[in-house]
Amino acid sequence: MVWHADAGPDLRSLRSRAGSMRRPGSLVLWAAAAVLALAAVWGGGGSAHPTPDPLVQAVVLRRPVAPGHRIAVADLALQRVTRSSLAPGELTDPASAMGRLAAVAVPAGSPLMAPELVDQRAAPTDRDIALRLDSVSGLPSGPLAGARADLYAVGPGRSGVRLVMRNVLVVAASAADGTASATLRVPGRIVRPLIEAEAGASLRLVTVQAAGS
């Protein structure tokens, strides 16, 4: 076979044209790779720091309660849980349960739910009365708001002790600066006798323990 002298330039021209035909495809591939790399960076940055699920407090029962039981501080405990794990109606503030009645039996360790509690509404004739108590022994120890108690009057010089009222609801109680007092919810007809008892004797509260406590 005989090669002509001008065959070389034609071969180089073909190679040059082939290379130029491949370049646009290469540029497209490089551009696509760059886009994918940027997407990976941005996507990874967004998932590297997920929003934390904050911790909140939930109200749980220390001991089982029966229907009709009045919730007191001693019945409750607080537990830290994630916000997303709270069930609808689950209580997070113990104050919202104090003094209310259990509508159903609830076992110990269970979270306390709003539908499980009912309010004991005061009768139209009920009154809240604040009474001064014996500053030394008028108040039992421990939290009293929402508790039930018997009220006793002790005469001057301990001359006599009499029961003034049984199983009364304690709305609030406090002892400070050498004085003790309690706010009791009583029928309106009892207000006057209670004021008279406060004036003539030293008053003491004796808490009533709930069944099973």
N, C-alpha and C. Protein backbone atom coordinates (compact mmCIF):
# COMPACT_ATOMS: atom_id res chain seq x y z
N MET A 1 0.86 -1.20 0.00
CA MET A 1 0.00 0.00 0.00
C MET A 1 0.88 1.23 0.00
N VAL A 2 0.48 2.24 -0.75
CA VAL A 2 1.27 3.46 -0.88
C VAL A 2 0.57 4.58 -0.13
N TRP A 3 1.32 5.21 0.83
CA TRP A 3 0.78 6.35 1.59
C TRP A 3 1.19 7.63 0.89
N HIS A 4 0.26 8.55 0.79
CA HIS A 4 0.56 9.86 0.23
C HIS A 4 1.08 10.77 1.31
N ALA A 5 1.86 11.69 0.92
CA ALA A 5 2.50 12.58 1.89
C ALA A 5 1.51 13.45 2.62
N ASP A 6 0.37 13.74 1.98
CA ASP A 6 -0.58 14.65 2.64
C ASP A 6 -1.60 13.91 3.49
N ALA A 7 -1.38 12.58 3.73
CA ALA A 7 -2.34 11.83 4.56
C ALA A 7 -2.27 12.23 6.03
N GLY A 8 -1.06 12.63 6.50
CA GLY A 8 -0.88 12.98 7.92
C GLY A 8 -1.77 14.12 8.37
N PRO A 9 -1.75 15.23 7.65
CA PRO A 9 -2.58 16.35 8.09
C PRO A 9 -4.05 16.00 8.14
N ASP A 10 -4.54 15.13 7.22
CA ASP A 10 -5.96 14.75 7.28
C ASP A 10 -6.26 13.95 8.54
N LEU A 11 -5.33 13.08 8.97
CA LEU A 11 -5.54 12.29 10.18
C LEU A 11 -5.57 13.18 11.41
N ARG A 12 -4.64 14.16 11.46
CA ARG A 12 -4.65 15.08 12.60
C ARG A 12 -5.93 15.90 12.64
N SER A 13 -6.44 16.24 11.50
CA SER A 13 -7.68 17.02 11.44
C SER A 13 -8.84 16.22 11.98
N LEU A 14 -8.88 14.93 11.64
CA LEU A 14 -9.96 14.07 12.15
C LEU A 14 -9.89 13.96 13.67
N ARG A 15 -8.68 13.78 14.20
CA ARG A 15 -8.52 13.67 15.66
C ARG A 15 -8.95 14.96 16.36
N SER A 16 -8.56 16.09 15.74
CA SER A 16 -8.91 17.37 16.33
C SER A 16 -10.41 17.56 16.38
N ARG A 17 -11.08 17.20 15.29
CA ARG A 17 -12.54 17.33 15.26
C ARG A 17 -13.21 16.38 16.27
N ALA A 18 -12.65 15.18 16.41
CA ALA A 18 -13.21 14.23 17.38
C ALA A 18 -13.08 14.76 18.80
N GLY A 19 -11.90 15.36 19.09
CA GLY A 19 -11.70 15.92 20.43
C GLY A 19 -12.65 17.05 20.72
N SER A 20 -12.87 17.90 19.69
CA SER A 20 -13.78 19.03 19.89
C SER A 20 -15.22 18.56 20.07
N MET A 21 -15.58 17.43 19.46
CA MET A 21 -16.92 16.89 19.63
C MET A 21 -17.12 16.33 21.03
N ARG A 22 -16.03 15.85 21.68
CA ARG A 22 -16.16 15.28 23.03
C ARG A 22 -16.20 16.35 24.12
N ARG A 23 -15.64 17.54 23.88
CA ARG A 23 -15.52 18.55 24.92
C ARG A 23 -16.86 18.99 25.50
N PRO A 24 -17.89 19.29 24.71
CA PRO A 24 -19.16 19.71 25.31
C PRO A 24 -19.73 18.67 26.28
N GLY A 25 -19.62 17.39 25.93
CA GLY A 25 -20.09 16.35 26.83
C GLY A 25 -19.34 16.34 28.14
N SER A 26 -18.05 16.54 28.11
CA SER A 26 -17.23 16.58 29.33
C SER A 26 -17.63 17.73 30.22
N LEU A 27 -17.89 18.88 29.61
CA LEU A 27 -18.30 20.04 30.39
C LEU A 27 -19.63 19.79 31.10
N VAL A 28 -20.53 19.12 30.42
CA VAL A 28 -21.82 18.81 31.03
C VAL A 28 -21.64 17.89 32.23
N LEU A 29 -20.77 16.88 32.07
CA LEU A 29 -20.51 15.95 33.17
C LEU A 29 -19.89 16.66 34.36
N TRP A 30 -18.93 17.55 34.08
CA TRP A 30 -18.30 18.30 35.17
C TRP A 30 -19.31 19.19 35.90
N ALA A 31 -20.19 19.82 35.13
CA ALA A 31 -21.20 20.69 35.74
C ALA A 31 -22.15 19.88 36.61
N ALA A 32 -22.56 18.72 36.14
CA ALA A 32 -23.47 17.88 36.92
C ALA A 32 -22.80 17.41 38.20
N ALA A 33 -21.53 17.06 38.12
CA ALA A 33 -20.81 16.62 39.31
C ALA A 33 -20.71 17.74 40.35
N ALA A 34 -20.48 18.97 39.86
CA ALA A 34 -20.38 20.10 40.78
C ALA A 34 -21.70 20.35 41.49
N VAL A 35 -22.82 20.26 40.75
CA VAL A 35 -24.13 20.46 41.36
C VAL A 35 -24.40 19.41 42.42
N LEU A 36 -24.07 18.15 42.12
CA LEU A 36 -24.28 17.08 43.09
C LEU A 36 -23.43 17.29 44.34
N ALA A 37 -22.21 17.76 44.15
CA ALA A 37 -21.32 17.99 45.30
C ALA A 37 -21.88 19.09 46.20
N LEU A 38 -22.36 20.19 45.58
CA LEU A 38 -22.93 21.27 46.37
C LEU A 38 -24.19 20.80 47.11
N ALA A 39 -25.01 20.01 46.42
CA ALA A 39 -26.22 19.50 47.07
C ALA A 39 -25.87 18.62 48.26
N ALA A 40 -24.82 17.82 48.14
CA ALA A 40 -24.40 16.96 49.25
C ALA A 40 -23.93 17.79 50.43
N VAL A 41 -23.19 18.89 50.14
CA VAL A 41 -22.70 19.74 51.22
C VAL A 41 -23.86 20.40 51.94
N TRP A 42 -24.78 21.01 51.14
CA TRP A 42 -25.92 21.69 51.76
C TRP A 42 -26.81 20.71 52.52
N GLY A 43 -27.07 19.57 51.92
CA GLY A 43 -27.92 18.57 52.57
C GLY A 43 -27.30 18.06 53.84
N GLY A 44 -25.99 17.79 53.81
CA GLY A 44 -25.31 17.31 55.02
C GLY A 44 -25.29 18.34 56.10
N GLY A 45 -25.15 19.64 55.72
CA GLY A 45 -25.14 20.70 56.71
C GLY A 45 -26.46 20.82 57.43
N GLY A 46 -27.58 20.58 56.70
CA GLY A 46 -28.88 20.70 57.32
C GLY A 46 -29.16 19.58 58.30
N SER A 47 -28.64 18.38 58.03
CA SER A 47 -28.94 17.25 58.89
C SER A 47 -27.90 17.04 59.98
N ALA A 48 -26.82 17.81 59.96
CA ALA A 48 -25.77 17.62 60.95
C ALA A 48 -26.21 18.13 62.33
N HIS A 49 -27.13 19.10 62.37
CA HIS A 49 -27.56 19.67 63.64
C HIS A 49 -29.08 19.63 63.73
N PRO A 50 -29.68 18.46 64.02
CA PRO A 50 -31.15 18.38 64.11
C PRO A 50 -31.65 19.16 65.33
N THR A 51 -32.86 19.66 65.23
CA THR A 51 -33.46 20.41 66.33
C THR A 51 -33.71 19.47 67.51
N PRO A 52 -33.15 19.77 68.70
CA PRO A 52 -33.33 18.86 69.84
C PRO A 52 -34.76 18.89 70.36
N ASP A 53 -35.21 17.77 70.89
CA ASP A 53 -36.53 17.65 71.48
C ASP A 53 -36.42 18.10 72.94
N PRO A 54 -36.98 19.25 73.33
CA PRO A 54 -36.76 19.77 74.68
C PRO A 54 -37.37 18.88 75.76
N LEU A 55 -36.76 18.92 76.94
CA LEU A 55 -37.28 18.18 78.09
C LEU A 55 -38.27 19.06 78.85
N VAL A 56 -39.35 18.45 79.31
CA VAL A 56 -40.36 19.14 80.11
C VAL A 56 -40.68 18.25 81.31
N GLN A 57 -41.40 18.80 82.29
CA GLN A 57 -41.80 18.01 83.45
C GLN A 57 -43.20 17.47 83.25
N ALA A 58 -43.42 16.24 83.72
CA ALA A 58 -44.73 15.61 83.68
C ALA A 58 -45.09 15.19 85.09
N VAL A 59 -46.36 15.28 85.43
CA VAL A 59 -46.85 14.92 86.76
C VAL A 59 -47.21 13.43 86.78
N VAL A 60 -46.62 12.68 87.73
CA VAL A 60 -46.92 11.26 87.88
C VAL A 60 -47.36 11.00 89.33
N LEU A 61 -47.96 9.87 89.55
CA LEU A 61 -48.45 9.52 90.89
C LEU A 61 -47.42 8.72 91.66
N ARG A 62 -47.18 9.11 92.91
CA ARG A 62 -46.29 8.35 93.78
C ARG A 62 -46.94 7.06 94.26
N ARG A 63 -48.26 7.08 94.40
CA ARG A 63 -48.99 5.94 94.95
C ARG A 63 -50.33 5.83 94.24
N PRO A 64 -50.94 4.66 94.31
CA PRO A 64 -52.23 4.50 93.62
C PRO A 64 -53.32 5.33 94.31
N VAL A 65 -54.27 5.78 93.52
CA VAL A 65 -55.41 6.52 94.08
C VAL A 65 -56.70 5.85 93.61
N ALA A 66 -57.70 5.94 94.45
CA ALA A 66 -59.01 5.36 94.16
C ALA A 66 -59.96 6.46 93.71
N PRO A 67 -61.04 6.10 93.02
CA PRO A 67 -62.02 7.11 92.63
C PRO A 67 -62.53 7.88 93.85
N GLY A 68 -62.62 9.19 93.73
CA GLY A 68 -63.07 10.03 94.84
C GLY A 68 -61.94 10.53 95.72
N HIS A 69 -60.72 10.01 95.52
CA HIS A 69 -59.59 10.46 96.33
C HIS A 69 -59.24 11.90 95.97
N ARG A 70 -59.00 12.72 96.99
CA ARG A 70 -58.61 14.11 96.75
C ARG A 70 -57.09 14.19 96.60
N ILE A 71 -56.65 14.73 95.50
CA ILE A 71 -55.21 14.78 95.20
C ILE A 71 -54.52 15.79 96.11
N ALA A 72 -53.44 15.34 96.76
CA ALA A 72 -52.63 16.18 97.63
C ALA A 72 -51.18 16.14 97.15
N VAL A 73 -50.36 17.02 97.71
CA VAL A 73 -48.95 17.11 97.30
C VAL A 73 -48.25 15.77 97.47
N ALA A 74 -48.56 15.05 98.56
CA ALA A 74 -47.88 13.79 98.83
C ALA A 74 -48.17 12.72 97.78
N ASP A 75 -49.22 12.92 96.99
CA ASP A 75 -49.57 11.93 95.96
C ASP A 75 -48.75 12.09 94.69
N LEU A 76 -48.07 13.22 94.54
CA LEU A 76 -47.52 13.59 93.24
C LEU A 76 -45.99 13.57 93.21
N ALA A 77 -45.47 13.35 92.02
CA ALA A 77 -44.03 13.46 91.75
C ALA A 77 -43.88 14.04 90.34
N LEU A 78 -42.66 14.51 90.05
CA LEU A 78 -42.38 15.07 88.74
C LEU A 78 -41.37 14.20 88.02
N GLN A 79 -41.55 14.08 86.73
CA GLN A 79 -40.66 13.26 85.90
C GLN A 79 -40.28 14.06 84.66
N ARG A 80 -39.00 13.98 84.26
CA ARG A 80 -38.54 14.70 83.06
C ARG A 80 -38.77 13.82 81.84
N VAL A 81 -39.45 14.36 80.86
CA VAL A 81 -39.73 13.63 79.62
C VAL A 81 -39.55 14.59 78.45
N THR A 82 -39.44 14.03 77.25
CA THR A 82 -39.35 14.89 76.06
C THR A 82 -40.74 15.42 75.72
N ARG A 83 -40.76 16.61 75.16
CA ARG A 83 -42.04 17.25 74.85
C ARG A 83 -42.87 16.41 73.88
N SER A 84 -42.20 15.78 72.92
CA SER A 84 -42.93 15.01 71.92
C SER A 84 -43.58 13.76 72.50
N SER A 85 -43.11 13.31 73.68
CA SER A 85 -43.67 12.10 74.27
C SER A 85 -44.89 12.37 75.15
N LEU A 86 -45.21 13.66 75.40
CA LEU A 86 -46.37 13.99 76.21
C LEU A 86 -47.65 13.60 75.47
N ALA A 87 -48.53 12.93 76.18
CA ALA A 87 -49.82 12.57 75.58
C ALA A 87 -50.79 13.74 75.73
N PRO A 88 -51.77 13.86 74.85
CA PRO A 88 -52.77 14.93 75.00
C PRO A 88 -53.47 14.82 76.36
N GLY A 89 -53.54 15.94 77.08
CA GLY A 89 -54.19 15.94 78.38
C GLY A 89 -53.29 15.60 79.54
N GLU A 90 -52.02 15.24 79.27
CA GLU A 90 -51.10 14.89 80.36
C GLU A 90 -50.69 16.15 81.11
N LEU A 91 -50.76 16.10 82.44
CA LEU A 91 -50.50 17.29 83.26
C LEU A 91 -49.00 17.53 83.41
N THR A 92 -48.62 18.81 83.36
CA THR A 92 -47.23 19.20 83.55
C THR A 92 -47.05 20.12 84.76
N ASP A 93 -48.14 20.58 85.34
CA ASP A 93 -48.10 21.47 86.49
C ASP A 93 -48.85 20.83 87.66
N PRO A 94 -48.16 20.49 88.75
CA PRO A 94 -48.85 19.83 89.87
C PRO A 94 -49.94 20.68 90.48
N ALA A 95 -49.83 22.01 90.38
CA ALA A 95 -50.84 22.88 90.96
C ALA A 95 -52.21 22.66 90.31
N SER A 96 -52.22 22.23 89.05
CA SER A 96 -53.49 22.02 88.36
C SER A 96 -54.22 20.77 88.86
N ALA A 97 -53.53 19.94 89.66
CA ALA A 97 -54.16 18.72 90.20
C ALA A 97 -54.55 18.86 91.66
N MET A 98 -53.95 19.82 92.36
CA MET A 98 -54.14 19.93 93.80
C MET A 98 -55.60 20.17 94.17
N GLY A 99 -56.10 19.38 95.14
CA GLY A 99 -57.43 19.56 95.65
C GLY A 99 -58.53 18.98 94.79
N ARG A 100 -58.19 18.45 93.62
CA ARG A 100 -59.20 17.87 92.74
C ARG A 100 -59.40 16.39 93.08
N LEU A 101 -60.49 15.83 92.60
CA LEU A 101 -60.83 14.45 92.93
C LEU A 101 -60.52 13.53 91.76
N ALA A 102 -60.02 12.33 92.07
CA ALA A 102 -59.78 11.33 91.04
C ALA A 102 -61.12 10.78 90.57
N ALA A 103 -61.33 10.81 89.26
CA ALA A 103 -62.58 10.29 88.70
C ALA A 103 -62.52 8.79 88.50
N VAL A 104 -61.30 8.25 88.38
CA VAL A 104 -61.10 6.82 88.16
C VAL A 104 -59.92 6.36 89.01
N ALA A 105 -59.75 5.06 89.13
CA ALA A 105 -58.58 4.52 89.83
C ALA A 105 -57.35 4.69 88.94
N VAL A 106 -56.27 5.19 89.52
CA VAL A 106 -55.04 5.41 88.77
C VAL A 106 -53.89 4.74 89.53
N PRO A 107 -53.12 3.85 88.88
CA PRO A 107 -52.04 3.15 89.59
C PRO A 107 -50.82 4.03 89.83
N ALA A 108 -50.00 3.62 90.77
CA ALA A 108 -48.77 4.35 91.07
C ALA A 108 -47.84 4.35 89.87
N GLY A 109 -47.14 5.46 89.69
CA GLY A 109 -46.20 5.58 88.59
C GLY A 109 -46.81 6.04 87.28
N SER A 110 -48.13 6.14 87.23
CA SER A 110 -48.80 6.54 85.99
C SER A 110 -48.77 8.05 85.83
N PRO A 111 -48.66 8.53 84.59
CA PRO A 111 -48.81 9.97 84.37
C PRO A 111 -50.25 10.37 84.67
N LEU A 112 -50.42 11.55 85.21
CA LEU A 112 -51.75 12.02 85.58
C LEU A 112 -52.34 12.80 84.41
N MET A 113 -53.55 12.43 84.01
CA MET A 113 -54.21 13.02 82.86
C MET A 113 -55.38 13.90 83.33
N ALA A 114 -55.59 15.02 82.63
CA ALA A 114 -56.68 15.94 83.00
C ALA A 114 -58.05 15.25 83.04
N PRO A 115 -58.39 14.37 82.07
CA PRO A 115 -59.70 13.73 82.12
C PRO A 115 -59.90 12.80 83.31
N GLU A 116 -58.81 12.46 84.02
CA GLU A 116 -58.93 11.56 85.17
C GLU A 116 -59.30 12.30 86.45
N LEU A 117 -59.40 13.63 86.37
CA LEU A 117 -59.69 14.45 87.55
C LEU A 117 -60.97 15.23 87.36
N VAL A 118 -61.67 15.46 88.46
CA VAL A 118 -62.88 16.29 88.42
C VAL A 118 -62.76 17.34 89.53
N ASP A 119 -63.44 18.45 89.33
CA ASP A 119 -63.45 19.52 90.32
C ASP A 119 -64.56 19.28 91.32
N GLN A 120 -64.25 19.60 92.56
CA GLN A 120 -65.31 19.62 93.56
C GLN A 120 -65.72 21.09 93.72
N ARG A 121 -66.82 21.43 93.14
CA ARG A 121 -67.25 22.82 93.15
C ARG A 121 -67.87 23.16 94.51
N ALA A 122 -67.55 24.37 94.97
CA ALA A 122 -68.12 24.81 96.23
C ALA A 122 -69.62 25.02 96.08
N ALA A 123 -70.35 24.66 97.11
CA ALA A 123 -71.78 24.92 97.11
C ALA A 123 -72.02 26.43 97.17
N PRO A 124 -73.16 26.89 96.67
CA PRO A 124 -73.41 28.35 96.68
C PRO A 124 -73.35 28.97 98.06
N THR A 125 -73.60 28.16 99.10
CA THR A 125 -73.58 28.71 100.46
C THR A 125 -72.23 28.56 101.15
N ASP A 126 -71.24 27.93 100.48
CA ASP A 126 -69.92 27.74 101.09
C ASP A 126 -69.16 29.06 101.14
N ARG A 127 -68.32 29.17 102.15
CA ARG A 127 -67.48 30.36 102.32
C ARG A 127 -66.05 29.93 102.66
N ASP A 128 -65.09 30.72 102.22
CA ASP A 128 -63.70 30.52 102.62
C ASP A 128 -63.38 31.49 103.75
N ILE A 129 -62.96 30.94 104.88
CA ILE A 129 -62.69 31.78 106.04
C ILE A 129 -61.26 31.55 106.52
N ALA A 130 -60.54 32.64 106.80
CA ALA A 130 -59.18 32.57 107.32
C ALA A 130 -59.23 32.63 108.84
N LEU A 131 -58.55 31.69 109.49
CA LEU A 131 -58.55 31.62 110.95
C LEU A 131 -57.13 31.64 111.48
N ARG A 132 -56.95 32.33 112.61
CA ARG A 132 -55.66 32.32 113.29
C ARG A 132 -55.58 31.06 114.14
N LEU A 133 -54.47 30.34 114.02
CA LEU A 133 -54.29 29.08 114.75
C LEU A 133 -53.21 29.23 115.82
N ASP A 134 -53.12 28.23 116.67
CA ASP A 134 -52.06 28.21 117.69
C ASP A 134 -50.70 28.30 116.98
N SER A 135 -49.86 29.24 117.41
CA SER A 135 -48.60 29.50 116.70
C SER A 135 -47.57 28.39 116.91
N VAL A 136 -47.75 27.57 117.95
CA VAL A 136 -46.78 26.51 118.24
C VAL A 136 -47.22 25.18 117.64
N SER A 137 -48.47 24.80 117.87
CA SER A 137 -48.91 23.48 117.45
C SER A 137 -50.23 23.50 116.67
N GLY A 138 -50.57 24.65 116.12
CA GLY A 138 -51.84 24.75 115.42
C GLY A 138 -51.85 24.11 114.06
N LEU A 139 -50.67 24.03 113.43
CA LEU A 139 -50.58 23.47 112.07
C LEU A 139 -49.76 22.18 112.08
N PRO A 140 -50.27 21.11 111.50
CA PRO A 140 -49.45 19.91 111.31
C PRO A 140 -48.34 20.19 110.31
N SER A 141 -47.32 19.35 110.32
CA SER A 141 -46.23 19.53 109.36
C SER A 141 -46.66 19.05 107.97
N GLY A 142 -45.94 19.52 106.99
CA GLY A 142 -46.21 19.09 105.62
C GLY A 142 -47.19 20.00 104.92
N PRO A 143 -47.32 19.83 103.60
CA PRO A 143 -48.25 20.65 102.82
C PRO A 143 -49.69 20.33 103.17
N LEU A 144 -50.52 21.36 103.26
CA LEU A 144 -51.90 21.16 103.70
C LEU A 144 -52.94 21.56 102.66
N ALA A 145 -52.57 22.36 101.68
CA ALA A 145 -53.54 22.81 100.69
C ALA A 145 -54.18 21.60 100.00
N GLY A 146 -55.50 21.54 100.02
CA GLY A 146 -56.22 20.43 99.43
C GLY A 146 -56.47 19.27 100.38
N ALA A 147 -55.92 19.35 101.59
CA ALA A 147 -56.11 18.26 102.57
C ALA A 147 -57.42 18.46 103.33
N ARG A 148 -57.82 17.40 104.01
CA ARG A 148 -58.98 17.47 104.90
C ARG A 148 -58.48 17.43 106.34
N ALA A 149 -59.15 18.17 107.22
CA ALA A 149 -58.68 18.25 108.61
C ALA A 149 -59.86 18.44 109.56
N ASP A 150 -59.63 18.06 110.81
CA ASP A 150 -60.58 18.36 111.89
C ASP A 150 -60.06 19.60 112.62
N LEU A 151 -60.97 20.45 113.04
CA LEU A 151 -60.61 21.68 113.75
C LEU A 151 -61.00 21.56 115.22
N TYR A 152 -60.01 21.77 116.10
CA TYR A 152 -60.25 21.69 117.54
C TYR A 152 -60.00 23.05 118.19
N ALA A 153 -60.72 23.30 119.28
CA ALA A 153 -60.51 24.50 120.08
C ALA A 153 -60.02 24.10 121.46
N VAL A 154 -58.92 24.72 121.88
CA VAL A 154 -58.34 24.45 123.20
C VAL A 154 -58.55 25.69 124.06
N GLY A 155 -59.22 25.51 125.20
CA GLY A 155 -59.54 26.64 126.07
C GLY A 155 -58.31 27.24 126.72
N PRO A 156 -58.47 28.44 127.31
CA PRO A 156 -57.36 29.10 128.01
C PRO A 156 -56.77 28.21 129.10
N GLY A 157 -55.45 28.16 129.14
CA GLY A 157 -54.79 27.32 130.13
C GLY A 157 -55.08 25.86 129.94
N ARG A 158 -55.42 25.49 128.69
CA ARG A 158 -55.74 24.10 128.37
C ARG A 158 -56.88 23.58 129.24
N SER A 159 -57.84 24.46 129.49
CA SER A 159 -58.95 24.11 130.37
C SER A 159 -59.92 23.11 129.74
N GLY A 160 -59.86 22.99 128.45
CA GLY A 160 -60.75 22.04 127.82
C GLY A 160 -60.50 21.98 126.31
N VAL A 161 -60.82 20.84 125.73
CA VAL A 161 -60.64 20.64 124.29
C VAL A 161 -61.98 20.21 123.71
N ARG A 162 -62.39 20.85 122.62
CA ARG A 162 -63.63 20.45 121.98
C ARG A 162 -63.45 20.44 120.46
N LEU A 163 -64.17 19.54 119.84
CA LEU A 163 -64.16 19.46 118.37
C LEU A 163 -65.09 20.54 117.82
N VAL A 164 -64.55 21.42 116.99
CA VAL A 164 -65.34 22.50 116.39
C VAL A 164 -65.95 22.07 115.07
N MET A 165 -65.15 21.39 114.24
CA MET A 165 -65.64 20.99 112.93
C MET A 165 -64.83 19.79 112.45
N ARG A 166 -65.51 18.87 111.80
CA ARG A 166 -64.87 17.66 111.33
C ARG A 166 -64.74 17.66 109.81
N ASN A 167 -63.61 17.13 109.32
CA ASN A 167 -63.40 16.86 107.89
C ASN A 167 -63.63 18.10 107.02
N VAL A 168 -62.99 19.18 107.39
CA VAL A 168 -63.12 20.44 106.66
C VAL A 168 -62.02 20.53 105.59
N LEU A 169 -62.32 21.16 104.47
CA LEU A 169 -61.33 21.33 103.40
C LEU A 169 -60.39 22.49 103.72
N VAL A 170 -59.08 22.23 103.69
CA VAL A 170 -58.07 23.27 103.88
C VAL A 170 -57.73 23.85 102.51
N VAL A 171 -58.07 25.11 102.30
CA VAL A 171 -57.77 25.77 101.03
C VAL A 171 -56.32 26.21 100.99
N ALA A 172 -55.83 26.76 102.10
CA ALA A 172 -54.44 27.22 102.19
C ALA A 172 -54.05 27.27 103.65
N ALA A 173 -52.75 27.19 103.92
CA ALA A 173 -52.24 27.28 105.29
C ALA A 173 -50.82 27.82 105.25
N SER A 174 -50.46 28.58 106.28
CA SER A 174 -49.11 29.15 106.32
C SER A 174 -48.71 29.43 107.76
N ALA A 175 -47.41 29.47 107.98
CA ALA A 175 -46.84 29.83 109.28
C ALA A 175 -45.63 30.71 109.02
N ALA A 176 -45.66 31.94 109.53
CA ALA A 176 -44.55 32.87 109.33
C ALA A 176 -44.58 33.93 110.42
N ASP A 177 -43.39 34.39 110.80
CA ASP A 177 -43.25 35.47 111.78
C ASP A 177 -44.00 35.15 113.08
N GLY A 178 -43.95 33.90 113.49
CA GLY A 178 -44.54 33.53 114.77
C GLY A 178 -46.04 33.41 114.76
N THR A 179 -46.67 33.46 113.60
CA THR A 179 -48.12 33.29 113.52
C THR A 179 -48.45 32.17 112.55
N ALA A 180 -49.59 31.52 112.80
CA ALA A 180 -50.05 30.44 111.92
C ALA A 180 -51.50 30.71 111.56
N SER A 181 -51.85 30.41 110.33
CA SER A 181 -53.23 30.64 109.90
C SER A 181 -53.60 29.62 108.84
N ALA A 182 -54.89 29.45 108.66
CA ALA A 182 -55.39 28.53 107.63
C ALA A 182 -56.69 29.09 107.07
N THR A 183 -56.88 28.88 105.78
CA THR A 183 -58.14 29.23 105.13
C THR A 183 -58.93 27.96 104.92
N LEU A 184 -60.14 27.92 105.48
CA LEU A 184 -60.98 26.73 105.44
C LEU A 184 -62.24 27.02 104.62
N ARG A 185 -62.71 26.02 103.90
CA ARG A 185 -63.97 26.15 103.14
C ARG A 185 -65.08 25.49 103.96
N VAL A 186 -66.04 26.32 104.36
CA VAL A 186 -67.07 25.84 105.28
C VAL A 186 -68.45 26.33 104.81
N PRO A 187 -69.50 25.69 105.25
CA PRO A 187 -70.85 26.22 104.98
C PRO A 187 -70.99 27.60 105.61
N GLY A 188 -71.76 28.46 104.95
CA GLY A 188 -71.91 29.83 105.44
C GLY A 188 -72.43 29.92 106.86
N ARG A 189 -73.28 28.99 107.28
CA ARG A 189 -73.86 29.03 108.63
C ARG A 189 -72.83 28.77 109.73
N ILE A 190 -71.64 28.27 109.34
CA ILE A 190 -70.61 27.95 110.33
C ILE A 190 -69.65 29.13 110.55
N VAL A 191 -69.72 30.13 109.70
CA VAL A 191 -68.74 31.22 109.77
C VAL A 191 -68.77 31.90 111.14
N ARG A 192 -69.94 32.28 111.60
CA ARG A 192 -70.03 33.00 112.89
C ARG A 192 -69.50 32.15 114.04
N PRO A 193 -69.93 30.89 114.21
CA PRO A 193 -69.37 30.08 115.30
C PRO A 193 -67.85 29.93 115.22
N LEU A 194 -67.30 29.89 114.01
CA LEU A 194 -65.84 29.76 113.88
C LEU A 194 -65.14 31.03 114.35
N ILE A 195 -65.69 32.18 114.02
CA ILE A 195 -65.10 33.44 114.47
C ILE A 195 -65.15 33.54 115.99
N GLU A 196 -66.24 33.10 116.57
CA GLU A 196 -66.36 33.11 118.03
C GLU A 196 -65.37 32.14 118.67
N ALA A 197 -65.18 30.99 118.03
CA ALA A 197 -64.22 30.02 118.57
C ALA A 197 -62.81 30.57 118.51
N GLU A 198 -62.48 31.27 117.42
CA GLU A 198 -61.15 31.87 117.29
C GLU A 198 -60.90 32.90 118.38
N ALA A 199 -61.94 33.68 118.74
CA ALA A 199 -61.77 34.74 119.74
C ALA A 199 -61.61 34.20 121.15
N GLY A 200 -62.21 33.03 121.43
CA GLY A 200 -62.20 32.56 122.81
C GLY A 200 -61.31 31.37 123.09
N ALA A 201 -60.59 30.86 122.08
CA ALA A 201 -59.77 29.67 122.31
C ALA A 201 -58.62 29.64 121.32
N SER A 202 -57.74 28.68 121.55
CA SER A 202 -56.63 28.44 120.61
C SER A 202 -57.04 27.31 119.67
N LEU A 203 -56.94 27.56 118.39
CA LEU A 203 -57.42 26.58 117.40
C LEU A 203 -56.28 25.72 116.87
N ARG A 204 -56.61 24.46 116.63
CA ARG A 204 -55.63 23.52 116.06
C ARG A 204 -56.28 22.71 114.95
N LEU A 205 -55.48 22.43 113.93
CA LEU A 205 -55.91 21.56 112.84
C LEU A 205 -55.28 20.19 113.02
N VAL A 206 -56.07 19.15 112.81
CA VAL A 206 -55.57 17.77 112.83
C VAL A 206 -55.96 17.15 111.49
N THR A 207 -54.97 16.79 110.67
CA THR A 207 -55.26 16.32 109.33
C THR A 207 -55.91 14.93 109.36
N VAL A 208 -56.77 14.72 108.38
CA VAL A 208 -57.47 13.44 108.22
C VAL A 208 -56.73 12.66 107.15
N GLN A 209 -56.24 11.47 107.49
CA GLN A 209 -55.51 10.66 106.54
C GLN A 209 -56.47 9.93 105.62
N ALA A 210 -56.17 10.01 104.29
CA ALA A 210 -57.02 9.31 103.32
C ALA A 210 -56.84 7.80 103.47
N ALA A 211 -57.85 7.07 103.12
CA ALA A 211 -57.79 5.62 103.20
C ALA A 211 -56.68 5.08 102.33
N GLY A 212 -55.87 4.17 102.87
CA GLY A 212 -54.79 3.56 102.12
C GLY A 212 -53.50 4.34 102.14
N SER A 213 -53.46 5.52 102.79
CA SER A 213 -52.23 6.32 102.83
C SER A 213 -51.43 6.00 104.07
